[in-house]
Amino acid sequence: MERASPKRGSNPRLPLLVLVALVALVAFAVASPGVTAGPKQKASTRATEVTLLAQGLGATVGGTIGPDGALYVAESVLGQVKRIDPSNGRVTTVASGLPPRVIPIGGAIDVAFVGKTMYVLVTLVGPDVGGTSVNGVYRRNRSGGFTVFADLGKWSIDHPPATPFDQPSGLQFALQPVANGFLVTDGHHNRVLHVSSSGAVTQRIQFENVVPTGLAVAHGTVFMSQAGPVPHDPATGKVVSFPLNARRPHAHEIASGYSLLVDVESDPDGALYALSQGDSPGDVTPGSPAQPDSGRLLLVNRNGSFSVLVDKLDLPTSLDFVGGSRGGNRIHGCHSKKTSYTALVTTLNGEVWKITHVSKH
């Protein structure tokens, strides 16, 4: 791969990854094991029911469904991973010892599993921000501790992106397992990296100033959400796709029209959904939050539009599905079977919302 030349300081409004930067603006309490949800409930859309499953989590952004069917989320403040039982909201600490957050953004930011082995994405904990740890992918050992699986920070410094940047080590956001390793979005360097099964790092695809966020993979295709650059116009909030195994992949727009898209996910039947963190307050500085209670769970339609399934979510960051059958046409936004699923939405406020009866029709 040809090494790009650094372009530091050429863009005074260079957007650090919006969601992670928002962590600096919110004060979190760290939950103790056994926290359960109270009776708080959001308004429902159609037949969906939206209830608070868990709360009191500390600085949570990314999560995943583990091999046992529970939700696992990374807490950056103390460098921990919490398990949330989807049936009752019980919260337990299942892993610790990850690098704690050094500055008000970064730390442990996403979780993934390969079989029963846990991997955690950690960002902005290196010497360039005053830390002493490695920015990268950490693997949990049988002893319960973690070791560095891939040093993304060093690789990023040695291989600067083709777009302007301020932070040499980047700001990695989402961790997605694939057959031969992992994909990782970097919202500051505007690219997707590939980490091989041996921990080797390469660049998968470079974008312009789009702020890549969430990832999903289905049937040889990578789906990626884009928060879009400041001022986060709805037209720049997009879901795009590119081939997983192409030598030189090119991205194609799937849908657009909502501000600050932060995650994309498919349900067990293959329908595609996106998560909007909310409406931007206008011409803002990088890292400013969306409007309160303006987040949305969206269905991605075949015609390039979105359908709003749930609105009034407060600063959502991550979307996962639990349960449901497998079948149908596996074409996003169009299915022969009317099936409903349960979605779990993690928020910057340290909450997990359970959305039942999420329907494609």
Protein backbone atom coordinates (compact mmCIF):
# COMPACT_ATOMS: atom_id res chain seq x y z
CA MET A 1 0.00 0.00 0.00
CA GLU A 2 1.35 3.45 -0.91
CA ARG A 3 1.92 5.61 2.12
CA ALA A 4 -0.04 8.85 2.14
CA SER A 5 1.51 12.15 3.09
CA PRO A 6 0.37 13.75 6.34
CA LYS A 7 -1.96 16.75 6.01
CA ARG A 8 -2.08 18.08 9.53
CA GLY A 9 -3.81 21.29 10.43
CA SER A 10 -5.23 21.93 6.97
CA ASN A 11 -8.85 21.69 8.11
CA PRO A 12 -9.69 23.80 11.20
CA ARG A 13 -13.10 22.15 11.48
CA LEU A 14 -11.88 18.60 11.10
CA PRO A 15 -14.63 16.46 12.70
CA LEU A 16 -13.49 14.15 15.44
CA LEU A 17 -15.89 11.27 15.62
CA VAL A 18 -19.08 12.85 16.83
CA LEU A 19 -20.39 10.20 19.18
CA VAL A 20 -17.15 9.56 20.99
CA ALA A 21 -16.51 13.26 21.40
CA LEU A 22 -19.90 13.59 23.02
CA VAL A 23 -18.72 11.48 25.92
CA ALA A 24 -16.78 14.54 27.06
CA LEU A 25 -20.02 16.47 27.40
CA VAL A 26 -21.94 13.98 29.52
CA ALA A 27 -21.23 13.04 33.15
CA PHE A 28 -21.69 9.31 33.75
CA ALA A 29 -22.11 7.22 36.85
CA VAL A 30 -20.44 3.80 36.87
CA ALA A 31 -22.94 1.04 37.53
CA SER A 32 -22.46 -1.59 40.19
CA PRO A 33 -23.29 -5.24 39.41
CA GLY A 34 -26.97 -6.09 39.54
CA VAL A 35 -28.47 -2.78 38.35
CA THR A 36 -31.93 -3.29 36.87
CA ALA A 37 -34.29 -1.03 34.98
CA GLY A 38 -37.09 0.93 36.52
CA PRO A 39 -40.57 1.62 35.11
CA LYS A 40 -39.42 4.41 32.77
CA GLN A 41 -40.92 4.01 29.29
CA LYS A 42 -40.79 5.86 25.97
CA ALA A 43 -43.70 6.42 23.64
CA SER A 44 -44.35 3.51 21.29
CA THR A 45 -44.53 3.55 17.49
CA ARG A 46 -47.20 1.32 15.93
CA ALA A 47 -47.08 -2.02 17.73
CA THR A 48 -43.56 -1.54 19.09
CA GLU A 49 -42.93 -1.29 22.82
CA VAL A 50 -39.95 0.70 24.07
CA THR A 51 -38.87 0.14 27.67
CA LEU A 52 -35.77 0.88 29.71
CA LEU A 53 -33.83 -2.36 30.20
CA ALA A 54 -30.78 -1.09 32.14
CA GLN A 55 -29.28 2.17 33.33
CA GLY A 56 -26.32 3.57 35.26
CA LEU A 57 -23.68 2.25 32.86
CA GLY A 58 -20.51 4.31 32.53
CA ALA A 59 -19.56 5.94 29.21
CA THR A 60 -20.93 3.26 26.89
CA VAL A 61 -20.80 3.52 23.10
CA GLY A 62 -20.50 0.12 21.40
CA GLY A 63 -21.85 -3.30 22.21
CA THR A 64 -22.60 -6.72 20.75
CA ILE A 65 -24.67 -9.82 21.34
CA GLY A 66 -22.48 -12.51 22.90
CA PRO A 67 -22.53 -16.26 22.29
CA ASP A 68 -24.95 -16.66 25.21
CA GLY A 69 -27.49 -14.23 23.73
CA ALA A 70 -26.77 -11.42 26.21
CA LEU A 71 -25.70 -7.87 25.38
CA TYR A 72 -22.09 -6.96 26.13
CA VAL A 73 -21.07 -3.30 26.26
CA ALA A 74 -17.70 -1.63 26.79
CA GLU A 75 -17.33 0.92 29.59
CA SER A 76 -14.47 3.31 28.95
CA VAL A 77 -14.16 5.01 32.34
CA LEU A 78 -12.75 2.00 34.19
CA GLY A 79 -11.87 -0.23 31.26
CA GLN A 80 -14.55 -2.84 31.84
CA VAL A 81 -17.08 -4.90 29.91
CA LYS A 82 -20.61 -5.26 31.25
CA ARG A 83 -23.12 -8.02 30.47
CA ILE A 84 -26.82 -7.09 30.29
CA ASP A 85 -29.40 -9.87 30.44
CA PRO A 86 -32.04 -9.06 27.77
CA SER A 87 -34.78 -10.79 29.75
CA ASN A 88 -34.49 -8.87 33.02
CA GLY A 89 -31.89 -6.11 32.57
CA ARG A 90 -29.50 -7.48 35.17
CA VAL A 91 -26.05 -5.91 34.77
CA THR A 92 -22.84 -7.68 35.75
CA THR A 93 -19.17 -6.90 35.25
CA VAL A 94 -17.66 -9.76 33.23
CA ALA A 95 -14.23 -8.35 32.30
CA SER A 96 -11.87 -5.69 33.58
CA GLY A 97 -8.24 -4.66 33.28
CA LEU A 98 -8.53 -2.77 29.99
CA PRO A 99 -6.79 0.63 29.70
CA PRO A 100 -8.97 3.22 31.44
CA ARG A 101 -10.02 6.38 29.66
CA VAL A 102 -7.22 8.97 29.62
CA ILE A 103 -9.07 11.97 28.25
CA PRO A 104 -12.84 12.61 28.20
CA ILE A 105 -13.11 10.65 24.97
CA GLY A 106 -11.84 7.21 24.01
CA GLY A 107 -10.96 4.13 26.07
CA ALA A 108 -12.80 0.84 25.58
CA ILE A 109 -15.34 1.61 22.88
CA ASP A 110 -16.65 -1.60 21.29
CA VAL A 111 -16.86 -5.36 21.90
CA ALA A 112 -16.87 -8.39 19.56
CA PHE A 113 -16.74 -12.16 19.90
CA VAL A 114 -15.08 -14.82 17.78
CA GLY A 115 -16.61 -18.03 19.10
CA LYS A 116 -16.45 -17.56 22.86
CA THR A 117 -13.36 -15.34 22.79
CA MET A 118 -13.94 -11.68 23.60
CA TYR A 119 -12.20 -8.85 21.74
CA VAL A 120 -12.40 -5.18 22.76
CA LEU A 121 -11.58 -2.09 20.71
CA VAL A 122 -9.67 0.56 22.68
CA THR A 123 -8.84 4.03 21.34
CA LEU A 124 -7.08 7.25 22.44
CA VAL A 125 -5.11 5.82 25.38
CA GLY A 126 -1.59 6.18 23.92
CA PRO A 127 1.30 8.57 24.56
CA ASP A 128 0.00 11.08 22.00
CA VAL A 129 -2.87 11.90 24.39
CA GLY A 130 -0.93 11.51 27.63
CA GLY A 131 -1.57 7.80 28.16
CA THR A 132 0.77 4.85 28.44
CA SER A 133 -1.28 2.14 26.72
CA VAL A 134 -1.86 0.79 23.21
CA ASN A 135 -4.68 1.93 20.96
CA GLY A 136 -5.96 -1.21 19.30
CA VAL A 137 -7.79 -4.51 19.53
CA TYR A 138 -7.39 -6.41 22.81
CA ARG A 139 -8.07 -10.15 23.19
CA ARG A 140 -9.27 -11.69 26.43
CA ASN A 141 -7.15 -14.58 27.71
CA ARG A 142 -8.32 -17.74 29.44
CA SER A 143 -7.02 -16.26 32.69
CA GLY A 144 -9.50 -13.37 32.31
CA GLY A 145 -6.93 -10.70 31.47
CA PHE A 146 -6.33 -8.96 28.15
CA THR A 147 -3.41 -8.80 25.74
CA VAL A 148 -2.92 -6.57 22.70
CA PHE A 149 -4.00 -8.39 19.55
CA ALA A 150 -3.43 -5.53 17.06
CA ASP A 151 -1.70 -2.17 17.60
CA LEU A 152 -3.90 0.16 15.55
CA GLY A 153 -2.42 3.32 16.99
CA LYS A 154 1.13 2.62 15.87
CA TRP A 155 -0.01 1.42 12.47
CA SER A 156 -2.10 4.58 11.99
CA ILE A 157 0.81 6.82 12.93
CA ASP A 158 3.07 4.96 10.50
CA HIS A 159 0.43 5.02 7.73
CA PRO A 160 -1.35 8.43 7.87
CA PRO A 161 -4.61 8.76 5.93
CA ALA A 162 -5.18 10.59 2.67
CA THR A 163 -7.58 13.04 4.33
CA PRO A 164 -6.65 15.90 6.73
CA PHE A 165 -6.25 14.90 10.37
CA ASP A 166 -5.26 16.29 13.77
CA GLN A 167 -4.88 13.07 15.77
CA PRO A 168 -2.04 10.89 14.34
CA SER A 169 -3.23 7.66 16.00
CA GLY A 170 -6.79 8.13 14.75
CA LEU A 171 -10.04 7.55 16.56
CA GLN A 172 -11.27 4.01 16.03
CA PHE A 173 -14.98 3.45 16.62
CA ALA A 174 -16.54 0.12 15.54
CA LEU A 175 -15.20 -3.46 15.61
CA GLN A 176 -16.79 -6.00 13.24
CA PRO A 177 -15.70 -9.67 13.00
CA VAL A 178 -15.31 -11.11 9.51
CA ALA A 179 -14.22 -14.54 8.29
CA ASN A 180 -10.52 -13.67 8.19
CA GLY A 181 -10.25 -11.21 11.08
CA PHE A 182 -11.93 -7.87 11.82
CA LEU A 183 -12.97 -4.62 10.20
CA VAL A 184 -12.51 -1.39 12.16
CA THR A 185 -13.87 2.06 11.33
CA ASP A 186 -11.76 5.13 12.06
CA GLY A 187 -14.05 8.15 12.28
CA HIS A 188 -11.18 10.64 12.39
CA HIS A 189 -9.01 9.17 9.63
CA ASN A 190 -12.12 8.48 7.50
CA ARG A 191 -11.30 4.88 6.63
CA VAL A 192 -11.94 1.23 7.39
CA LEU A 193 -9.04 -0.94 8.50
CA HIS A 194 -8.68 -4.70 8.27
CA VAL A 195 -7.10 -6.72 11.08
CA SER A 196 -6.14 -10.23 10.00
CA SER A 197 -6.57 -13.34 12.14
CA SER A 198 -2.89 -12.97 13.08
CA GLY A 199 -3.25 -9.30 14.07
CA ALA A 200 -1.74 -7.70 10.92
CA VAL A 201 -3.28 -4.32 10.01
CA THR A 202 -4.01 -3.00 6.51
CA GLN A 203 -6.26 -0.31 5.08
CA ARG A 204 -9.44 -1.71 3.56
CA ILE A 205 -10.98 1.45 2.10
CA GLN A 206 -10.35 5.21 2.35
CA PHE A 207 -13.15 7.78 2.28
CA GLU A 208 -13.36 11.53 2.01
CA ASN A 209 -14.56 13.53 5.01
CA VAL A 210 -17.61 11.36 5.84
CA VAL A 211 -16.98 10.25 9.46
CA PRO A 212 -17.43 6.44 9.28
CA THR A 213 -19.23 4.93 12.27
CA GLY A 214 -21.03 1.57 12.53
CA LEU A 215 -20.50 -1.63 10.55
CA ALA A 216 -22.51 -4.71 9.59
CA VAL A 217 -21.61 -7.58 7.26
CA ALA A 218 -24.00 -9.88 5.42
CA HIS A 219 -23.55 -12.20 2.43
CA GLY A 220 -20.20 -10.80 1.33
CA THR A 221 -21.26 -7.16 1.63
CA VAL A 222 -20.12 -4.60 4.19
CA PHE A 223 -22.68 -2.00 5.27
CA MET A 224 -21.39 1.15 6.95
CA SER A 225 -23.09 4.17 8.52
CA GLN A 226 -21.73 7.70 8.13
CA ALA A 227 -22.32 10.49 10.62
CA GLY A 228 -21.32 13.06 8.02
CA PRO A 229 -19.13 16.14 8.48
CA VAL A 230 -20.02 19.31 10.33
CA PRO A 231 -22.69 20.74 10.17
CA HIS A 232 -24.19 17.20 9.91
CA ASP A 233 -26.82 17.90 7.29
CA PRO A 234 -29.36 15.08 6.88
CA ALA A 235 -28.12 14.53 3.33
CA THR A 236 -24.68 13.54 4.62
CA GLY A 237 -26.03 10.97 7.07
CA LYS A 238 -25.76 7.85 4.93
CA VAL A 239 -25.64 4.09 4.80
CA VAL A 240 -23.21 2.81 2.18
CA SER A 241 -22.00 -0.63 1.12
CA PHE A 242 -18.89 -2.15 -0.43
CA PRO A 243 -17.80 -5.71 -1.25
CA LEU A 244 -16.13 -7.51 1.61
CA ASN A 245 -13.50 -9.34 -0.44
CA ALA A 246 -12.87 -6.98 -3.37
CA ARG A 247 -9.22 -6.06 -3.86
CA ARG A 248 -10.02 -2.37 -4.36
CA PRO A 249 -13.55 -1.86 -3.01
CA HIS A 250 -15.68 1.12 -3.95
CA ALA A 251 -18.56 2.26 -1.76
CA HIS A 252 -22.10 2.67 -3.05
CA GLU A 253 -24.79 4.72 -1.35
CA ILE A 254 -27.71 2.68 -0.03
CA ALA A 255 -29.77 5.38 1.70
CA SER A 256 -29.47 8.90 3.10
CA GLY A 257 -31.54 11.58 4.75
CA TYR A 258 -31.01 11.61 8.55
CA SER A 259 -28.39 13.39 10.63
CA LEU A 260 -25.61 11.66 12.53
CA LEU A 261 -26.10 8.04 11.52
CA VAL A 262 -24.05 6.09 14.06
CA ASP A 263 -24.82 2.42 13.52
CA VAL A 264 -26.20 -0.03 11.00
CA GLU A 265 -27.43 -3.55 11.67
CA SER A 266 -29.39 -6.34 10.03
CA ASP A 267 -32.02 -8.47 11.74
CA PRO A 268 -31.97 -12.30 11.56
CA ASP A 269 -33.98 -12.20 8.31
CA GLY A 270 -31.61 -9.74 6.63
CA ALA A 271 -33.59 -6.50 6.80
CA LEU A 272 -31.28 -3.51 7.24
CA TYR A 273 -31.69 -0.87 9.94
CA ALA A 274 -29.85 2.31 10.88
CA LEU A 275 -29.58 4.34 14.06
CA SER A 276 -29.65 8.14 13.94
CA GLN A 277 -28.13 9.81 16.97
CA GLY A 278 -30.42 12.76 16.37
CA ASP A 279 -30.90 16.15 14.78
CA SER A 280 -27.87 18.42 14.68
CA PRO A 281 -28.42 21.85 16.28
CA GLY A 282 -27.01 23.50 13.15
CA ASP A 283 -23.59 24.96 12.38
CA VAL A 284 -21.77 23.49 15.36
CA THR A 285 -18.24 22.74 16.47
CA PRO A 286 -17.00 19.15 16.00
CA GLY A 287 -18.17 16.88 18.80
CA SER A 288 -21.33 18.80 19.67
CA PRO A 289 -24.27 16.59 20.64
CA ALA A 290 -27.49 16.12 18.74
CA GLN A 291 -30.71 17.59 20.00
CA PRO A 292 -31.97 15.76 23.11
CA ASP A 293 -34.52 13.02 22.50
CA SER A 294 -34.18 13.31 18.72
CA GLY A 295 -32.63 9.90 17.97
CA ARG A 296 -34.41 7.44 15.69
CA LEU A 297 -34.43 3.75 14.83
CA LEU A 298 -34.75 3.59 11.04
CA LEU A 299 -35.60 0.91 8.49
CA VAL A 300 -33.51 1.11 5.31
CA ASN A 301 -35.79 0.91 2.27
CA ARG A 302 -34.88 -0.41 -1.16
CA ASN A 303 -35.58 2.98 -2.80
CA GLY A 304 -32.83 4.75 -0.84
CA SER A 305 -35.12 6.21 1.82
CA PHE A 306 -35.63 5.46 5.50
CA SER A 307 -38.78 4.65 7.46
CA VAL A 308 -38.91 5.81 11.08
CA LEU A 309 -39.78 2.90 13.36
CA VAL A 310 -39.05 4.54 16.74
CA ASP A 311 -38.29 8.18 17.48
CA LYS A 312 -37.50 10.32 20.55
CA LEU A 313 -34.47 8.21 21.53
CA ASP A 314 -31.97 10.17 23.63
CA LEU A 315 -28.40 10.05 22.21
CA PRO A 316 -28.38 6.43 20.98
CA THR A 317 -25.01 4.97 20.00
CA SER A 318 -25.34 1.25 19.24
CA LEU A 319 -27.99 -1.11 17.83
CA ASP A 320 -28.22 -4.89 18.25
CA PHE A 321 -30.92 -7.51 17.66
CA VAL A 322 -31.76 -10.51 19.82
CA GLY A 323 -34.01 -13.47 19.11
CA GLY A 324 -36.12 -13.99 16.02
CA SER A 325 -36.23 -16.64 13.31
CA ARG A 326 -34.11 -16.94 10.19
CA GLY A 327 -35.65 -16.98 6.75
CA GLY A 328 -37.38 -14.61 4.34
CA ASN A 329 -36.00 -13.04 1.19
CA ARG A 330 -32.93 -11.45 2.80
CA ILE A 331 -33.33 -8.26 0.79
CA HIS A 332 -33.20 -5.20 3.02
CA GLY A 333 -36.50 -3.40 3.32
CA CYS A 334 -38.56 -6.05 1.47
CA HIS A 335 -39.53 -9.46 2.88
CA SER A 336 -42.14 -12.08 2.26
CA LYS A 337 -42.58 -12.86 5.96
CA LYS A 338 -44.02 -10.42 8.47
CA THR A 339 -41.67 -10.99 11.39
CA SER A 340 -40.97 -8.84 14.42
CA TYR A 341 -37.78 -8.73 16.45
CA THR A 342 -36.36 -7.28 19.63
CA ALA A 343 -33.78 -4.52 19.30
CA LEU A 344 -31.43 -3.30 22.05
CA VAL A 345 -30.25 0.30 21.82
CA THR A 346 -27.34 1.54 23.93
CA THR A 347 -27.08 5.28 24.64
CA LEU A 348 -24.43 7.76 25.69
CA ASN A 349 -26.42 8.30 28.88
CA GLY A 350 -25.46 4.81 30.07
CA GLU A 351 -28.85 3.31 29.30
CA VAL A 352 -30.02 0.28 27.31
CA TRP A 353 -33.48 0.44 25.76
CA LYS A 354 -35.40 -2.69 24.77
CA ILE A 355 -37.57 -2.29 21.68
CA THR A 356 -39.88 -5.23 21.16
CA HIS A 357 -42.02 -6.00 18.10
CA VAL A 358 -39.73 -4.19 15.67
CA SER A 359 -41.52 -4.95 12.42
CA LYS A 360 -40.44 -4.53 8.81
CA HIS A 361 -44.01 -3.78 7.69
